[in-house]
Amino acid sequence: MKKQTIYVLRILCVGSILFFVQCTGKNRSSSPSPAEGWGDRMAAYAVRDFMPADKYVWDWAQATMLRAVADRYELGINREEMLNYVRRAMDVTLDRAEGIHPNAVASGFGMAFLARVTGEEAYAHKALRIYEDYRQIVRSSNGGVSHRDNVVELWDDTVYMISLFLLEMYRLTGDEQYLREVAFQLAAHAEKLEDPVTGLWYHGWDNDSEPFDDECSMPGWANNPERRGSQFWGRGNGWVVMTLANTLHLMPRTMSERAALEAMFVKFARTLAPLQDAATGHWYQLPLLPGEAGNFIESSCTAMFAYGIAVGLADGLLPDETFRPVVDNAFRGIAENSLKTVDDSLATLTNVCSGTCIGDKAYYFRREVVEGTPFALGAAIMFYDRYRLLQ
């Protein structure tokens, strides 16, 4: 950890200055043009071949892709196809839809979305039932929603899964209680996971000292005085950045919780910008250790970070002269380094870290690198669409 801390301080104190000088001196028009329409080809592949609506599974990864589809409807992109996809995905899972843990809550946003855009009572009723399930999820000692239902732990993933649903419930009802709950959960998780120097979050925190083997995490990951993981994982922090961006996009400026969330978001962005790999436009699996042996560029966290920054730019939370080159480079970099053509009209995403729990540095470096996955496709499509809005 000592080596990582020194590296963090060097990045923040020196790297950000060099990055600012480099980026503000760029001629934006001289940037290479990325592959035309890669996000449209990826979206077509996602909904038609990769995960047709009839095969929707009520879980977190699928919910991330479903959010990208719903966003395309909101943006007016293939609206009829996108709405039909969400409707079918919710109809085939209607009987078993529930929210007994965060990963299940995530898909519930689809019910709230359909209740809002169609006005149909069946979806509204189901959304309210899922919210009642959510209220029964076990909480940690500081009120944070436990990531697991068989042990009390806070994970950075959780804030995105529950915010998908809670933010859509706010859009459905206009009731600010849902926004306040998102803000509270962000604060509770940050209390245990946030690094005060960088603003990045550790992957997880254990509420007690009882050993528990989830058959996914590295045994003993919480055997330390802070009872938390030792690493700042890329995609884990990507979930947080997207949650902050989406929450601030909807939250009225009159709400008292907004100032703290905005400060948290800006701190994230200022830490991430100089950590982006200039050559590939990507961030690394462990972002604070770019170029270290065993580390690798990771496309899902790249799409998530860039998505959050793109939303922040559009909403005036981040200065264009500093952060526009970051999203330009990510957009180009994904097209050039993490895009795989499926056929002439379809594409998928490569350089994706597979589903990951908590461990030490070597654990993250050893994770399988795959292509596709619902969460990676969803994040990349969302970034593509938000980036195009900046043009």
Protein backbone atom coordinates (compact mmCIF):
# COMPACT_ATOMS: atom_id res chain seq x y z
CA MET A 1 0.00 0.00 0.00
CA LYS A 2 2.93 2.37 0.61
CA LYS A 3 3.97 2.21 -3.04
CA GLN A 4 0.39 2.85 -4.16
CA THR A 5 0.02 5.85 -1.82
CA ILE A 6 3.22 7.43 -3.15
CA TYR A 7 2.02 6.86 -6.69
CA VAL A 8 -1.35 8.45 -5.90
CA LEU A 9 0.26 11.59 -4.51
CA ARG A 10 2.56 11.86 -7.51
CA ILE A 11 -0.35 11.47 -9.91
CA LEU A 12 -2.47 14.07 -8.14
CA CYS A 13 0.26 16.63 -7.59
CA VAL A 14 2.18 16.35 -10.84
CA GLY A 15 0.26 14.25 -13.35
CA SER A 16 -2.84 16.43 -13.29
CA ILE A 17 -0.79 19.52 -14.15
CA LEU A 18 0.87 17.79 -17.08
CA PHE A 19 -2.47 16.44 -18.24
CA PHE A 20 -4.06 19.87 -18.13
CA VAL A 21 -1.28 21.40 -20.18
CA GLN A 22 -1.36 18.60 -22.72
CA CYS A 23 -5.14 18.59 -23.13
CA THR A 24 -5.68 22.33 -23.31
CA GLY A 25 -3.04 22.54 -26.02
CA LYS A 26 -4.76 20.04 -28.30
CA ASN A 27 -6.43 21.03 -31.51
CA ARG A 28 -9.69 19.15 -31.20
CA SER A 29 -10.26 19.01 -34.94
CA SER A 30 -6.99 17.10 -35.45
CA SER A 31 -8.14 14.08 -33.39
CA PRO A 32 -8.52 10.83 -35.36
CA SER A 33 -12.12 10.04 -36.34
CA PRO A 34 -13.43 6.91 -34.58
CA ALA A 35 -15.26 4.14 -36.42
CA GLU A 36 -18.54 5.58 -37.60
CA GLY A 37 -21.62 4.46 -35.71
CA TRP A 38 -19.96 1.87 -33.47
CA GLY A 39 -22.49 2.35 -30.69
CA ASP A 40 -25.43 1.87 -33.05
CA ARG A 41 -23.93 -1.38 -34.31
CA MET A 42 -23.31 -2.48 -30.74
CA ALA A 43 -26.87 -1.67 -29.68
CA ALA A 44 -28.28 -3.65 -32.61
CA TYR A 45 -26.11 -6.62 -31.68
CA ALA A 46 -27.08 -6.36 -27.99
CA VAL A 47 -30.86 -6.45 -28.44
CA ARG A 48 -31.14 -8.69 -31.49
CA ASP A 49 -28.41 -11.30 -31.11
CA PHE A 50 -26.69 -11.09 -27.75
CA MET A 51 -29.69 -10.90 -25.40
CA PRO A 52 -33.11 -10.87 -27.08
CA ALA A 53 -35.87 -9.67 -24.76
CA ASP A 54 -37.38 -13.16 -24.52
CA LYS A 55 -34.16 -14.30 -22.84
CA TYR A 56 -33.99 -11.49 -20.28
CA VAL A 57 -32.80 -12.57 -16.83
CA TRP A 58 -33.82 -10.63 -13.72
CA ASP A 59 -30.37 -9.56 -12.54
CA TRP A 60 -27.93 -6.65 -12.32
CA ALA A 61 -25.84 -7.21 -15.47
CA GLN A 62 -28.92 -7.47 -17.63
CA ALA A 63 -30.39 -4.38 -15.93
CA THR A 64 -27.39 -2.33 -17.06
CA MET A 65 -28.02 -3.25 -20.68
CA LEU A 66 -31.74 -2.66 -20.22
CA ARG A 67 -30.97 0.86 -18.97
CA ALA A 68 -29.08 1.55 -22.19
CA VAL A 69 -32.12 0.40 -24.18
CA ALA A 70 -34.47 2.57 -22.11
CA ASP A 71 -32.14 5.55 -22.53
CA ARG A 72 -32.26 5.10 -26.30
CA TYR A 73 -36.03 5.30 -26.10
CA GLU A 74 -35.74 8.53 -24.09
CA LEU A 75 -33.32 9.95 -26.67
CA GLY A 76 -35.64 9.13 -29.55
CA ILE A 77 -33.41 6.42 -31.06
CA ASN A 78 -35.45 3.55 -32.57
CA ARG A 79 -38.14 4.32 -30.02
CA GLU A 80 -40.65 1.65 -30.99
CA GLU A 81 -38.04 -1.11 -31.01
CA MET A 82 -36.54 0.04 -27.71
CA LEU A 83 -39.91 0.31 -25.94
CA ASN A 84 -41.00 -3.08 -27.22
CA TYR A 85 -37.74 -4.57 -25.94
CA VAL A 86 -38.20 -3.19 -22.42
CA ARG A 87 -41.84 -4.23 -22.35
CA ARG A 88 -41.10 -7.78 -23.45
CA ALA A 89 -38.18 -8.12 -21.03
CA MET A 90 -40.41 -7.06 -18.14
CA ASP A 91 -43.37 -9.16 -19.26
CA VAL A 92 -41.34 -12.39 -19.38
CA THR A 93 -40.02 -11.75 -15.85
CA LEU A 94 -43.15 -10.17 -14.32
CA ASP A 95 -44.11 -13.17 -12.19
CA ARG A 96 -40.67 -13.58 -10.61
CA ALA A 97 -39.65 -9.93 -10.39
CA GLU A 98 -38.53 -8.96 -6.87
CA GLY A 99 -36.10 -6.78 -4.97
CA ILE A 100 -34.81 -8.83 -2.05
CA HIS A 101 -31.18 -7.80 -2.63
CA PRO A 102 -29.48 -4.98 -4.58
CA ASN A 103 -28.70 -7.04 -7.66
CA ALA A 104 -32.39 -7.93 -7.94
CA VAL A 105 -33.56 -4.37 -7.27
CA ALA A 106 -31.66 -3.15 -10.36
CA SER A 107 -34.03 -4.66 -12.93
CA GLY A 108 -36.99 -3.12 -11.10
CA PHE A 109 -36.29 0.16 -12.84
CA GLY A 110 -37.84 -1.39 -15.96
CA MET A 111 -41.19 -1.71 -14.21
CA ALA A 112 -41.08 1.90 -13.02
CA PHE A 113 -40.00 3.04 -16.49
CA LEU A 114 -42.93 1.28 -18.16
CA ALA A 115 -45.36 2.60 -15.55
CA ARG A 116 -44.18 6.13 -16.40
CA VAL A 117 -44.16 5.91 -20.20
CA THR A 118 -47.23 3.67 -20.68
CA GLY A 119 -49.34 4.54 -17.64
CA GLU A 120 -50.21 0.87 -17.15
CA GLU A 121 -51.11 -0.01 -13.56
CA ALA A 122 -49.63 -3.51 -13.63
CA TYR A 123 -46.12 -2.09 -13.95
CA ALA A 124 -46.71 0.58 -11.28
CA HIS A 125 -48.02 -2.05 -8.88
CA LYS A 126 -44.99 -4.26 -9.45
CA ALA A 127 -42.61 -1.31 -9.01
CA LEU A 128 -44.17 -0.48 -5.63
CA ARG A 129 -43.88 -4.11 -4.55
CA ILE A 130 -40.19 -4.09 -5.46
CA TYR A 131 -39.73 -0.93 -3.41
CA GLU A 132 -41.28 -2.67 -0.42
CA ASP A 133 -38.80 -5.51 -0.93
CA TYR A 134 -35.99 -2.96 -1.10
CA ARG A 135 -36.99 -1.46 2.25
CA GLN A 136 -36.58 -4.88 3.88
CA ILE A 137 -32.98 -5.46 2.73
CA VAL A 138 -30.59 -5.75 5.66
CA ARG A 139 -28.59 -2.61 6.47
CA SER A 140 -25.11 -2.18 7.86
CA SER A 141 -24.36 -0.42 11.14
CA ASN A 142 -24.38 2.99 9.40
CA GLY A 143 -27.52 2.33 7.37
CA GLY A 144 -25.90 1.25 4.11
CA VAL A 145 -27.70 -1.41 2.07
CA SER A 146 -25.84 -4.72 2.29
CA HIS A 147 -24.58 -6.02 -1.03
CA ARG A 148 -25.29 -9.60 0.03
CA ASP A 149 -28.33 -11.11 1.72
CA ASN A 150 -26.42 -13.72 3.73
CA VAL A 151 -23.73 -11.46 5.22
CA VAL A 152 -23.60 -7.70 5.83
CA GLU A 153 -21.08 -6.04 3.50
CA LEU A 154 -20.95 -2.75 1.63
CA TRP A 155 -19.71 -2.91 -1.97
CA ASP A 156 -19.26 -0.03 -4.39
CA ASP A 157 -21.35 -1.90 -7.00
CA THR A 158 -24.45 -1.57 -4.83
CA VAL A 159 -25.00 2.16 -5.26
CA TYR A 160 -25.53 1.79 -9.00
CA MET A 161 -27.86 -1.20 -8.71
CA ILE A 162 -30.20 0.46 -6.26
CA SER A 163 -29.98 3.89 -7.91
CA LEU A 164 -31.18 2.46 -11.23
CA PHE A 165 -34.47 1.68 -9.52
CA LEU A 166 -34.71 4.59 -7.08
CA LEU A 167 -33.99 7.27 -9.69
CA GLU A 168 -36.65 5.82 -11.98
CA MET A 169 -39.10 5.77 -9.07
CA TYR A 170 -38.41 9.48 -8.62
CA ARG A 171 -39.10 10.07 -12.31
CA LEU A 172 -42.33 8.09 -12.01
CA THR A 173 -43.65 9.77 -8.86
CA GLY A 174 -41.80 13.09 -8.49
CA ASP A 175 -41.29 12.18 -4.83
CA GLU A 176 -37.91 13.41 -3.57
CA GLN A 177 -37.75 10.65 -0.94
CA TYR A 178 -36.21 8.44 -3.62
CA LEU A 179 -33.48 10.97 -4.36
CA ARG A 180 -32.80 11.42 -0.65
CA GLU A 181 -32.39 7.67 -0.30
CA VAL A 182 -29.85 7.55 -3.14
CA ALA A 183 -27.95 10.43 -1.54
CA PHE A 184 -28.02 8.73 1.86
CA GLN A 185 -26.72 5.45 0.44
CA LEU A 186 -23.92 7.22 -1.41
CA ALA A 187 -22.90 8.92 1.84
CA ALA A 188 -23.12 5.71 3.89
CA HIS A 189 -21.04 3.76 1.39
CA ALA A 190 -18.53 6.58 1.03
CA GLU A 191 -18.04 6.65 4.80
CA LYS A 192 -16.64 3.12 4.66
CA LEU A 193 -15.15 2.94 1.16
CA GLU A 194 -13.91 6.37 0.06
CA ASP A 195 -10.22 7.21 0.05
CA PRO A 196 -9.87 10.82 1.27
CA VAL A 197 -6.86 11.56 -0.95
CA THR A 198 -8.15 10.47 -4.35
CA GLY A 199 -11.90 10.22 -3.78
CA LEU A 200 -11.82 6.72 -5.30
CA TRP A 201 -13.59 3.91 -3.47
CA TYR A 202 -12.24 0.62 -2.20
CA HIS A 203 -14.23 -2.32 -3.52
CA GLY A 204 -15.86 -3.51 -0.30
CA TRP A 205 -16.19 -3.27 3.48
CA ASP A 206 -17.17 -5.98 5.94
CA ASN A 207 -19.59 -4.97 8.70
CA ASP A 208 -18.20 -7.48 11.21
CA SER A 209 -15.12 -9.59 11.86
CA GLU A 210 -16.81 -12.94 11.24
CA PRO A 211 -15.13 -14.90 8.41
CA PHE A 212 -17.33 -15.63 5.40
CA ASP A 213 -16.39 -17.35 2.15
CA ASP A 214 -18.68 -16.33 -0.72
CA GLU A 215 -16.77 -18.65 -3.12
CA CYS A 216 -15.95 -15.67 -5.30
CA SER A 217 -13.95 -13.19 -3.24
CA MET A 218 -10.42 -13.90 -2.07
CA PRO A 219 -10.67 -15.48 1.42
CA GLY A 220 -9.52 -13.10 4.14
CA TRP A 221 -9.92 -9.94 2.06
CA ALA A 222 -11.33 -8.10 5.09
CA ASN A 223 -8.70 -9.29 7.60
CA ASN A 224 -7.30 -5.84 8.32
CA PRO A 225 -8.06 -3.09 10.86
CA GLU A 226 -10.34 -1.23 8.41
CA ARG A 227 -12.16 -4.47 7.39
CA ARG A 228 -12.15 -3.46 3.74
CA GLY A 229 -10.57 -4.45 0.45
CA SER A 230 -7.15 -3.08 -0.38
CA GLN A 231 -7.66 -2.06 -4.02
CA PHE A 232 -9.41 0.59 -6.09
CA TRP A 233 -11.02 -1.51 -8.82
CA GLY A 234 -11.83 0.16 -12.14
CA ARG A 235 -15.36 -1.06 -12.79
CA GLY A 236 -16.31 -0.74 -9.14
CA ASN A 237 -15.47 2.94 -9.29
CA GLY A 238 -17.22 3.14 -12.65
CA TRP A 239 -20.49 2.21 -10.97
CA VAL A 240 -19.99 5.05 -8.49
CA VAL A 241 -19.19 7.64 -11.16
CA MET A 242 -22.28 6.72 -13.18
CA THR A 243 -24.45 6.84 -10.07
CA LEU A 244 -23.20 10.29 -9.14
CA ALA A 245 -23.65 11.63 -12.68
CA ASN A 246 -27.17 10.23 -13.02
CA THR A 247 -28.24 11.43 -9.59
CA LEU A 248 -26.94 14.96 -10.11
CA HIS A 249 -28.59 15.07 -13.54
CA LEU A 250 -31.99 14.58 -11.89
CA MET A 251 -31.53 16.18 -8.48
CA PRO A 252 -32.99 19.69 -8.08
CA ARG A 253 -30.45 22.32 -7.12
CA THR A 254 -32.61 23.19 -4.14
CA MET A 255 -31.98 19.86 -2.40
CA SER A 256 -29.53 20.12 0.50
CA GLU A 257 -27.84 16.83 -0.41
CA ARG A 258 -26.70 18.10 -3.80
CA ALA A 259 -23.59 20.06 -2.80
CA ALA A 260 -21.84 17.08 -1.20
CA LEU A 261 -22.61 14.82 -4.16
CA GLU A 262 -21.38 17.40 -6.63
CA ALA A 263 -18.10 17.79 -4.74
CA MET A 264 -17.69 14.00 -4.67
CA PHE A 265 -18.31 13.78 -8.42
CA VAL A 266 -15.86 16.55 -9.34
CA LYS A 267 -13.16 15.01 -7.14
CA PHE A 268 -13.63 11.68 -8.91
CA ALA A 269 -13.32 13.33 -12.32
CA ARG A 270 -10.19 15.28 -11.42
CA THR A 271 -8.52 12.12 -10.11
CA LEU A 272 -9.47 10.02 -13.13
CA ALA A 273 -8.52 12.42 -15.91
CA PRO A 274 -4.70 12.16 -15.60
CA LEU A 275 -4.95 8.38 -15.13
CA GLN A 276 -6.37 7.81 -18.62
CA ASP A 277 -3.91 6.07 -20.95
CA ALA A 278 -3.22 8.59 -23.72
CA ALA A 279 -2.41 5.99 -26.36
CA THR A 280 -5.51 3.81 -25.98
CA GLY A 281 -7.99 6.21 -24.37
CA HIS A 282 -8.66 3.55 -21.72
CA TRP A 283 -8.30 3.30 -17.99
CA TYR A 284 -6.71 0.26 -16.39
CA GLN A 285 -8.21 -2.60 -14.40
CA LEU A 286 -6.61 -0.99 -11.33
CA PRO A 287 -6.62 2.67 -12.41
CA LEU A 288 -4.01 3.89 -9.94
CA LEU A 289 -1.38 1.51 -11.33
CA PRO A 290 -1.28 2.23 -15.07
CA GLY A 291 1.43 0.33 -16.89
CA GLU A 292 2.33 -1.92 -13.97
CA ALA A 293 3.15 -5.49 -14.97
CA GLY A 294 -0.01 -7.59 -14.91
CA ASN A 295 -2.38 -4.63 -15.15
CA PHE A 296 -4.44 -4.24 -18.34
CA ILE A 297 -6.69 -1.74 -20.08
CA GLU A 298 -10.33 -2.41 -19.27
CA SER A 299 -13.16 -1.26 -21.52
CA SER A 300 -16.17 -1.43 -19.20
CA CYS A 301 -14.69 0.95 -16.63
CA THR A 302 -13.50 3.14 -19.50
CA ALA A 303 -17.05 3.44 -20.82
CA MET A 304 -18.39 4.10 -17.32
CA PHE A 305 -15.87 6.80 -16.45
CA ALA A 306 -16.30 8.46 -19.83
CA TYR A 307 -20.09 8.27 -19.58
CA GLY A 308 -20.06 10.01 -16.21
CA ILE A 309 -17.71 12.71 -17.45
CA ALA A 310 -19.86 13.22 -20.59
CA VAL A 311 -22.95 13.74 -18.43
CA GLY A 312 -20.98 16.12 -16.21
CA LEU A 313 -19.89 18.11 -19.24
CA ALA A 314 -23.42 18.34 -20.61
CA ASP A 315 -24.72 19.48 -17.22
CA GLY A 316 -22.01 22.10 -16.74
CA LEU A 317 -20.40 20.38 -13.78
CA LEU A 318 -17.00 19.99 -15.44
CA PRO A 319 -14.95 22.47 -17.51
CA ASP A 320 -14.96 21.68 -21.21
CA GLU A 321 -11.33 22.65 -21.82
CA THR A 322 -10.09 20.03 -19.35
CA PHE A 323 -12.53 17.17 -19.74
CA ARG A 324 -13.72 17.26 -23.33
CA PRO A 325 -10.38 15.80 -24.54
CA VAL A 326 -10.86 12.96 -22.04
CA VAL A 327 -14.17 11.82 -23.54
CA ASP A 328 -12.90 12.43 -27.07
CA ASN A 329 -10.00 10.11 -26.37
CA ALA A 330 -12.20 7.45 -24.76
CA PHE A 331 -14.63 7.51 -27.69
CA ARG A 332 -11.79 7.11 -30.17
CA GLY A 333 -9.98 4.61 -27.98
CA ILE A 334 -12.91 2.24 -27.61
CA ALA A 335 -13.46 2.22 -31.37
CA GLU A 336 -9.78 1.56 -32.09
CA ASN A 337 -8.89 -0.85 -29.27
CA SER A 338 -11.98 -2.56 -27.84
CA LEU A 339 -14.38 -2.97 -30.75
CA LYS A 340 -14.91 -6.32 -32.47
CA THR A 341 -16.97 -6.61 -35.63
CA VAL A 342 -19.55 -9.40 -35.50
CA ASP A 343 -20.65 -8.88 -39.09
CA ASP A 344 -21.03 -5.93 -41.42
CA SER A 345 -23.75 -4.32 -39.29
CA LEU A 346 -23.05 -5.51 -35.73
CA ALA A 347 -20.26 -5.07 -33.18
CA THR A 348 -19.37 -6.14 -29.65
CA LEU A 349 -16.96 -4.99 -26.94
CA THR A 350 -13.63 -6.61 -26.03
CA ASN A 351 -11.14 -6.07 -23.15
CA VAL A 352 -13.87 -6.64 -20.55
CA CYS A 353 -12.98 -7.89 -17.08
CA SER A 354 -15.36 -10.72 -16.24
CA GLY A 355 -17.59 -10.65 -13.16
CA THR A 356 -15.37 -9.87 -10.19
CA CYS A 357 -15.55 -9.98 -6.40
CA ILE A 358 -12.98 -8.70 -3.88
CA GLY A 359 -9.30 -9.58 -3.51
CA ASP A 360 -5.74 -8.31 -3.52
CA LYS A 361 -3.85 -6.77 -6.44
CA ALA A 362 -2.91 -10.14 -7.93
CA TYR A 363 -6.54 -11.24 -7.75
CA TYR A 364 -7.65 -8.37 -10.01
CA PHE A 365 -4.74 -8.85 -12.38
CA ARG A 366 -5.71 -12.53 -12.80
CA ARG A 367 -9.34 -11.89 -13.70
CA GLU A 368 -10.47 -13.36 -17.01
CA VAL A 369 -10.73 -10.90 -19.89
CA VAL A 370 -13.81 -11.54 -22.03
CA GLU A 371 -15.95 -9.85 -24.66
CA GLY A 372 -19.56 -8.78 -24.61
CA THR A 373 -21.39 -9.19 -21.26
CA PRO A 374 -24.62 -7.26 -20.66
CA PHE A 375 -23.04 -4.75 -18.27
CA ALA A 376 -20.18 -3.88 -20.62
CA LEU A 377 -22.39 -3.54 -23.68
CA GLY A 378 -24.83 -1.43 -21.69
CA ALA A 379 -22.14 0.91 -20.39
CA ALA A 380 -20.54 1.31 -23.82
CA ILE A 381 -23.87 2.06 -25.52
CA MET A 382 -24.77 4.59 -22.83
CA PHE A 383 -21.42 6.33 -23.27
CA TYR A 384 -21.76 6.35 -27.06
CA ASP A 385 -25.20 7.96 -26.90
CA ARG A 386 -24.20 10.57 -24.29
CA TYR A 387 -21.06 11.43 -26.21
CA ARG A 388 -23.04 12.01 -29.40
CA LEU A 389 -25.21 14.51 -27.52
CA LEU A 390 -22.08 16.63 -26.96
CA GLN A 391 -21.50 17.05 -30.69
